[in-house]
Amino acid sequence: VGLMTADTFGLALGVPVHGVCTLDGLAHAADLA
């Protein structure tokens, strides 16, 4: 759902679409030392 929506927005707007690993997002938010 998210990937197809992102691709559709990118095509419609003519802008780049970047991926980020979902686990990396969780790690970034945790901010453990």
All heavy atoms as atom14 arrays in JSON, in Angstrom:
{
  "sequence": "VGLMTADTFGLALGVPVHGVCTLDGLAHAADLA",
  "atom14_mask": [
    [1, 1, 1, 1, 1, 1, 1, 0, 0, 0, 0, 0, 0, 0],
    [1, 1, 1, 1, 0, 0, 0, 0, 0, 0, 0, 0, 0, 0],
    [1, 1, 1, 1, 1, 1, 1, 1, 0, 0, 0, 0, 0, 0],
    [1, 1, 1, 1, 1, 1, 1, 1, 0, 0, 0, 0, 0, 0],
    [1, 1, 1, 1, 1, 1, 1, 0, 0, 0, 0, 0, 0, 0],
    [1, 1, 1, 1, 1, 0, 0, 0, 0, 0, 0, 0, 0, 0],
    [1, 1, 1, 1, 1, 1, 1, 1, 0, 0, 0, 0, 0, 0],
    [1, 1, 1, 1, 1, 1, 1, 0, 0, 0, 0, 0, 0, 0],
    [1, 1, 1, 1, 1, 1, 1, 1, 1, 1, 1, 0, 0, 0],
    [1, 1, 1, 1, 0, 0, 0, 0, 0, 0, 0, 0, 0, 0],
    [1, 1, 1, 1, 1, 1, 1, 1, 0, 0, 0, 0, 0, 0],
    [1, 1, 1, 1, 1, 0, 0, 0, 0, 0, 0, 0, 0, 0],
    [1, 1, 1, 1, 1, 1, 1, 1, 0, 0, 0, 0, 0, 0],
    [1, 1, 1, 1, 0, 0, 0, 0, 0, 0, 0, 0, 0, 0],
    [1, 1, 1, 1, 1, 1, 1, 0, 0, 0, 0, 0, 0, 0],
    [1, 1, 1, 1, 1, 1, 1, 0, 0, 0, 0, 0, 0, 0],
    [1, 1, 1, 1, 1, 1, 1, 0, 0, 0, 0, 0, 0, 0],
    [1, 1, 1, 1, 1, 1, 1, 1, 1, 1, 0, 0, 0, 0],
    [1, 1, 1, 1, 0, 0, 0, 0, 0, 0, 0, 0, 0, 0],
    [1, 1, 1, 1, 1, 1, 1, 0, 0, 0, 0, 0, 0, 0],
    [1, 1, 1, 1, 1, 1, 0, 0, 0, 0, 0, 0, 0, 0],
    [1, 1, 1, 1, 1, 1, 1, 0, 0, 0, 0, 0, 0, 0],
    [1, 1, 1, 1, 1, 1, 1, 1, 0, 0, 0, 0, 0, 0],
    [1, 1, 1, 1, 1, 1, 1, 1, 0, 0, 0, 0, 0, 0],
    [1, 1, 1, 1, 0, 0, 0, 0, 0, 0, 0, 0, 0, 0],
    [1, 1, 1, 1, 1, 1, 1, 1, 0, 0, 0, 0, 0, 0],
    [1, 1, 1, 1, 1, 0, 0, 0, 0, 0, 0, 0, 0, 0],
    [1, 1, 1, 1, 1, 1, 1, 1, 1, 1, 0, 0, 0, 0],
    [1, 1, 1, 1, 1, 0, 0, 0, 0, 0, 0, 0, 0, 0],
    [1, 1, 1, 1, 1, 0, 0, 0, 0, 0, 0, 0, 0, 0],
    [1, 1, 1, 1, 1, 1, 1, 1, 0, 0, 0, 0, 0, 0],
    [1, 1, 1, 1, 1, 1, 1, 1, 0, 0, 0, 0, 0, 0],
    [1, 1, 1, 1, 1, 0, 0, 0, 0, 0, 0, 0, 0, 0]
  ],
  "atom14_positions": [
    [[0.84, -1.2, 0.0], [0.0, 0.0, 0.0], [0.88, 1.25, 0.0], [0.7, 2.16, -0.81], [-0.96, 0.0, 1.2], [-1.67, 1.35, 1.32], [-1.97, -1.12, 1.09], [0.0, 0.0, 0.0], [0.0, 0.0, 0.0], [0.0, 0.0, 0.0], [0.0, 0.0, 0.0], [0.0, 0.0, 0.0], [0.0, 0.0, 0.0], [0.0, 0.0, 0.0]],
    [[1.82, 1.31, 0.92], [2.7, 2.47, 1.0], [3.59, 2.62, -0.22], [3.77, 3.73, -0.74], [0.0, 0.0, 0.0], [0.0, 0.0, 0.0], [0.0, 0.0, 0.0], [0.0, 0.0, 0.0], [0.0, 0.0, 0.0], [0.0, 0.0, 0.0], [0.0, 0.0, 0.0], [0.0, 0.0, 0.0], [0.0, 0.0, 0.0], [0.0, 0.0, 0.0]],
    [[4.15, 1.51, -0.7], [5.05, 1.58, -1.84], [4.33, 2.0, -3.11], [4.85, 2.83, -3.89], [5.72, 0.22, -2.04], [6.8, -0.09, -1.0], [7.12, -1.58, -0.99], [8.06, 0.71, -1.28], [0.0, 0.0, 0.0], [0.0, 0.0, 0.0], [0.0, 0.0, 0.0], [0.0, 0.0, 0.0], [0.0, 0.0, 0.0], [0.0, 0.0, 0.0]],
    [[3.15, 1.48, -3.35], [2.4, 1.87, -4.55], [1.95, 3.32, -4.47], [1.96, 4.03, -5.47], [1.21, 0.92, -4.74], [1.6, -0.5, -5.1], [0.18, -1.6, -5.31], [-0.56, -0.9, -6.78], [0.0, 0.0, 0.0], [0.0, 0.0, 0.0], [0.0, 0.0, 0.0], [0.0, 0.0, 0.0], [0.0, 0.0, 0.0], [0.0, 0.0, 0.0]],
    [[1.57, 3.75, -3.27], [1.17, 5.15, -3.1], [2.35, 6.07, -3.35], [2.24, 7.1, -4.03], [0.61, 5.38, -1.69], [-0.52, 4.52, -1.49], [0.18, 6.82, -1.5], [0.0, 0.0, 0.0], [0.0, 0.0, 0.0], [0.0, 0.0, 0.0], [0.0, 0.0, 0.0], [0.0, 0.0, 0.0], [0.0, 0.0, 0.0], [0.0, 0.0, 0.0]],
    [[3.52, 5.71, -2.81], [4.71, 6.52, -3.01], [5.09, 6.61, -4.49], [5.41, 7.69, -5.0], [5.87, 5.95, -2.2], [0.0, 0.0, 0.0], [0.0, 0.0, 0.0], [0.0, 0.0, 0.0], [0.0, 0.0, 0.0], [0.0, 0.0, 0.0], [0.0, 0.0, 0.0], [0.0, 0.0, 0.0], [0.0, 0.0, 0.0], [0.0, 0.0, 0.0]],
    [[5.04, 5.47, -5.18], [5.37, 5.47, -6.61], [4.38, 6.33, -7.4], [4.78, 7.06, -8.32], [5.34, 4.04, -7.15], [6.62, 3.28, -6.87], [7.63, 3.92, -6.56], [6.6, 2.04, -6.97], [0.0, 0.0, 0.0], [0.0, 0.0, 0.0], [0.0, 0.0, 0.0], [0.0, 0.0, 0.0], [0.0, 0.0, 0.0], [0.0, 0.0, 0.0]],
    [[3.12, 6.27, -7.03], [2.1, 7.06, -7.73], [2.33, 8.55, -7.52], [2.27, 9.34, -8.47], [0.7, 6.67, -7.24], [0.48, 5.28, -7.5], [-0.37, 7.48, -7.96], [0.0, 0.0, 0.0], [0.0, 0.0, 0.0], [0.0, 0.0, 0.0], [0.0, 0.0, 0.0], [0.0, 0.0, 0.0], [0.0, 0.0, 0.0], [0.0, 0.0, 0.0]],
    [[2.61, 8.95, -6.28], [2.92, 10.35, -6.01], [4.15, 10.79, -6.8], [4.19, 11.89, -7.37], [3.16, 10.58, -4.52], [1.9, 10.71, -3.7], [1.84, 10.21, -2.4], [0.8, 11.37, -4.19], [0.7, 10.35, -1.63], [-0.36, 11.51, -3.43], [-0.4, 10.99, -2.15], [0.0, 0.0, 0.0], [0.0, 0.0, 0.0], [0.0, 0.0, 0.0]],
    [[5.18, 9.96, -6.79], [6.41, 10.32, -7.5], [6.18, 10.53, -8.98], [6.68, 11.5, -9.57], [0.0, 0.0, 0.0], [0.0, 0.0, 0.0], [0.0, 0.0, 0.0], [0.0, 0.0, 0.0], [0.0, 0.0, 0.0], [0.0, 0.0, 0.0], [0.0, 0.0, 0.0], [0.0, 0.0, 0.0], [0.0, 0.0, 0.0], [0.0, 0.0, 0.0]],
    [[5.4, 9.64, -9.6], [5.11, 9.77, -11.03], [4.25, 11.0, -11.31], [4.5, 11.75, -12.26], [4.41, 8.51, -11.53], [5.28, 7.26, -11.68], [4.41, 6.04, -11.95], [6.29, 7.45, -12.8], [0.0, 0.0, 0.0], [0.0, 0.0, 0.0], [0.0, 0.0, 0.0], [0.0, 0.0, 0.0], [0.0, 0.0, 0.0], [0.0, 0.0, 0.0]],
    [[3.24, 11.22, -10.47], [2.32, 12.34, -10.7], [3.01, 13.69, -10.52], [2.72, 14.64, -11.25], [1.13, 12.23, -9.75], [0.0, 0.0, 0.0], [0.0, 0.0, 0.0], [0.0, 0.0, 0.0], [0.0, 0.0, 0.0], [0.0, 0.0, 0.0], [0.0, 0.0, 0.0], [0.0, 0.0, 0.0], [0.0, 0.0, 0.0], [0.0, 0.0, 0.0]],
    [[3.92, 13.76, -9.56], [4.58, 15.03, -9.25], [5.91, 15.2, -9.98], [6.45, 16.31, -10.03], [4.85, 15.13, -7.74], [3.61, 15.11, -6.83], [4.04, 15.01, -5.37], [2.77, 16.36, -7.06], [0.0, 0.0, 0.0], [0.0, 0.0, 0.0], [0.0, 0.0, 0.0], [0.0, 0.0, 0.0], [0.0, 0.0, 0.0], [0.0, 0.0, 0.0]],
    [[6.43, 14.11, -10.54], [7.72, 14.18, -11.2], [8.86, 14.4, -10.23], [9.82, 15.12, -10.54], [0.0, 0.0, 0.0], [0.0, 0.0, 0.0], [0.0, 0.0, 0.0], [0.0, 0.0, 0.0], [0.0, 0.0, 0.0], [0.0, 0.0, 0.0], [0.0, 0.0, 0.0], [0.0, 0.0, 0.0], [0.0, 0.0, 0.0], [0.0, 0.0, 0.0]],
    [[8.77, 13.76, -9.06], [9.81, 13.93, -8.03], [10.4, 12.57, -7.69], [9.78, 11.53, -7.9], [9.24, 14.6, -6.76], [8.67, 15.98, -7.09], [8.18, 13.73, -6.09], [0.0, 0.0, 0.0], [0.0, 0.0, 0.0], [0.0, 0.0, 0.0], [0.0, 0.0, 0.0], [0.0, 0.0, 0.0], [0.0, 0.0, 0.0], [0.0, 0.0, 0.0]],
    [[11.62, 12.55, -7.13], [12.24, 11.27, -6.78], [11.54, 10.59, -5.61], [10.94, 11.25, -4.75], [13.67, 11.65, -6.4], [13.6, 13.09, -6.03], [12.53, 13.69, -6.87], [0.0, 0.0, 0.0], [0.0, 0.0, 0.0], [0.0, 0.0, 0.0], [0.0, 0.0, 0.0], [0.0, 0.0, 0.0], [0.0, 0.0, 0.0], [0.0, 0.0, 0.0]],
    [[11.6, 9.26, -5.59], [11.05, 8.46, -4.5], [12.2, 7.68, -3.87], [12.88, 6.91, -4.55], [9.96, 7.49, -5.0], [9.4, 6.69, -3.82], [8.86, 8.24, -5.72], [0.0, 0.0, 0.0], [0.0, 0.0, 0.0], [0.0, 0.0, 0.0], [0.0, 0.0, 0.0], [0.0, 0.0, 0.0], [0.0, 0.0, 0.0], [0.0, 0.0, 0.0]],
    [[12.43, 7.9, -2.58], [13.53, 7.27, -1.87], [13.01, 6.23, -0.89], [12.02, 6.46, -0.19], [14.33, 8.32, -1.07], [14.84, 9.45, -1.88], [15.82, 9.3, -2.85], [14.52, 10.78, -1.88], [16.08, 10.48, -3.4], [15.31, 11.39, -2.83], [0.0, 0.0, 0.0], [0.0, 0.0, 0.0], [0.0, 0.0, 0.0], [0.0, 0.0, 0.0]],
    [[13.69, 5.1, -0.81], [13.34, 4.09, 0.17], [14.18, 4.21, 1.43], [15.33, 4.65, 1.38], [0.0, 0.0, 0.0], [0.0, 0.0, 0.0], [0.0, 0.0, 0.0], [0.0, 0.0, 0.0], [0.0, 0.0, 0.0], [0.0, 0.0, 0.0], [0.0, 0.0, 0.0], [0.0, 0.0, 0.0], [0.0, 0.0, 0.0], [0.0, 0.0, 0.0]],
    [[13.6, 3.82, 2.54], [14.33, 3.71, 3.81], [13.85, 2.44, 4.5], [12.63, 2.19, 4.55], [14.09, 4.92, 4.74], [14.78, 4.71, 6.09], [14.6, 6.21, 4.1], [0.0, 0.0, 0.0], [0.0, 0.0, 0.0], [0.0, 0.0, 0.0], [0.0, 0.0, 0.0], [0.0, 0.0, 0.0], [0.0, 0.0, 0.0], [0.0, 0.0, 0.0]],
    [[14.76, 1.63, 4.98], [14.38, 0.43, 5.7], [13.55, 0.81, 6.93], [13.94, 1.68, 7.71], [15.63, -0.33, 6.13], [15.32, -1.77, 7.17], [0.0, 0.0, 0.0], [0.0, 0.0, 0.0], [0.0, 0.0, 0.0], [0.0, 0.0, 0.0], [0.0, 0.0, 0.0], [0.0, 0.0, 0.0], [0.0, 0.0, 0.0], [0.0, 0.0, 0.0]],
    [[12.4, 0.17, 7.07], [11.51, 0.47, 8.19], [12.19, 0.24, 9.54], [12.0, 1.01, 10.49], [10.23, -0.38, 8.08], [9.55, -0.03, 6.86], [9.3, -0.17, 9.26], [0.0, 0.0, 0.0], [0.0, 0.0, 0.0], [0.0, 0.0, 0.0], [0.0, 0.0, 0.0], [0.0, 0.0, 0.0], [0.0, 0.0, 0.0], [0.0, 0.0, 0.0]],
    [[13.01, -0.8, 9.63], [13.73, -1.07, 10.87], [14.7, 0.07, 11.2], [14.89, 0.42, 12.37], [14.49, -2.39, 10.77], [13.67, -3.65, 10.47], [14.58, -4.88, 10.39], [12.59, -3.85, 11.51], [0.0, 0.0, 0.0], [0.0, 0.0, 0.0], [0.0, 0.0, 0.0], [0.0, 0.0, 0.0], [0.0, 0.0, 0.0], [0.0, 0.0, 0.0]],
    [[15.29, 0.68, 10.17], [16.18, 1.83, 10.39], [15.42, 3.01, 11.0], [15.96, 3.75, 11.82], [16.83, 2.27, 9.08], [17.83, 1.26, 8.54], [18.11, 0.25, 9.23], [18.34, 1.48, 7.43], [0.0, 0.0, 0.0], [0.0, 0.0, 0.0], [0.0, 0.0, 0.0], [0.0, 0.0, 0.0], [0.0, 0.0, 0.0], [0.0, 0.0, 0.0]],
    [[14.17, 3.19, 10.55], [13.36, 4.26, 11.12], [13.09, 4.05, 12.6], [13.14, 4.99, 13.39], [0.0, 0.0, 0.0], [0.0, 0.0, 0.0], [0.0, 0.0, 0.0], [0.0, 0.0, 0.0], [0.0, 0.0, 0.0], [0.0, 0.0, 0.0], [0.0, 0.0, 0.0], [0.0, 0.0, 0.0], [0.0, 0.0, 0.0], [0.0, 0.0, 0.0]],
    [[12.79, 2.81, 12.98], [12.59, 2.5, 14.39], [13.86, 2.73, 15.19], [13.82, 3.28, 16.3], [12.13, 1.05, 14.53], [10.63, 0.81, 14.45], [10.34, -0.65, 14.12], [9.96, 1.19, 15.76], [0.0, 0.0, 0.0], [0.0, 0.0, 0.0], [0.0, 0.0, 0.0], [0.0, 0.0, 0.0], [0.0, 0.0, 0.0], [0.0, 0.0, 0.0]],
    [[14.98, 2.32, 14.65], [16.26, 2.52, 15.35], [16.55, 4.0, 15.53], [17.0, 4.43, 16.6], [17.38, 1.86, 14.56], [0.0, 0.0, 0.0], [0.0, 0.0, 0.0], [0.0, 0.0, 0.0], [0.0, 0.0, 0.0], [0.0, 0.0, 0.0], [0.0, 0.0, 0.0], [0.0, 0.0, 0.0], [0.0, 0.0, 0.0], [0.0, 0.0, 0.0]],
    [[16.28, 4.78, 14.5], [16.54, 6.22, 14.57], [15.68, 6.88, 15.64], [16.14, 7.75, 16.38], [16.24, 6.84, 13.21], [16.62, 8.29, 13.11], [17.92, 8.72, 13.09], [15.86, 9.41, 13.02], [17.95, 10.04, 13.0], [16.71, 10.48, 12.95], [0.0, 0.0, 0.0], [0.0, 0.0, 0.0], [0.0, 0.0, 0.0], [0.0, 0.0, 0.0]],
    [[14.43, 6.46, 15.75], [13.52, 7.04, 16.74], [13.9, 6.62, 18.15], [13.71, 7.37, 19.11], [12.09, 6.62, 16.45], [0.0, 0.0, 0.0], [0.0, 0.0, 0.0], [0.0, 0.0, 0.0], [0.0, 0.0, 0.0], [0.0, 0.0, 0.0], [0.0, 0.0, 0.0], [0.0, 0.0, 0.0], [0.0, 0.0, 0.0], [0.0, 0.0, 0.0]],
    [[14.46, 5.41, 18.31], [14.83, 4.93, 19.64], [15.99, 5.72, 20.21], [16.03, 6.01, 21.41], [15.19, 3.45, 19.56], [0.0, 0.0, 0.0], [0.0, 0.0, 0.0], [0.0, 0.0, 0.0], [0.0, 0.0, 0.0], [0.0, 0.0, 0.0], [0.0, 0.0, 0.0], [0.0, 0.0, 0.0], [0.0, 0.0, 0.0], [0.0, 0.0, 0.0]],
    [[16.97, 6.05, 19.37], [18.11, 6.88, 19.79], [18.82, 6.29, 21.01], [19.15, 7.0, 21.96], [17.64, 8.31, 20.08], [18.81, 9.3, 20.03], [19.81, 9.0, 19.36], [18.71, 10.36, 20.67], [0.0, 0.0, 0.0], [0.0, 0.0, 0.0], [0.0, 0.0, 0.0], [0.0, 0.0, 0.0], [0.0, 0.0, 0.0], [0.0, 0.0, 0.0]],
    [[19.04, 4.97, 20.99], [19.78, 4.31, 22.06], [21.28, 4.49, 21.83], [21.75, 4.58, 20.7], [19.43, 2.83, 22.12], [17.99, 2.49, 22.5], [17.76, 0.99, 22.44], [17.65, 3.02, 23.88], [0.0, 0.0, 0.0], [0.0, 0.0, 0.0], [0.0, 0.0, 0.0], [0.0, 0.0, 0.0], [0.0, 0.0, 0.0], [0.0, 0.0, 0.0]],
    [[22.04, 4.49, 22.91], [23.46, 4.81, 22.82], [24.3, 3.63, 22.34], [25.26, 3.81, 21.59], [23.97, 5.28, 24.19], [0.0, 0.0, 0.0], [0.0, 0.0, 0.0], [0.0, 0.0, 0.0], [0.0, 0.0, 0.0], [0.0, 0.0, 0.0], [0.0, 0.0, 0.0], [0.0, 0.0, 0.0], [0.0, 0.0, 0.0], [0.0, 0.0, 0.0]]
  ]
}
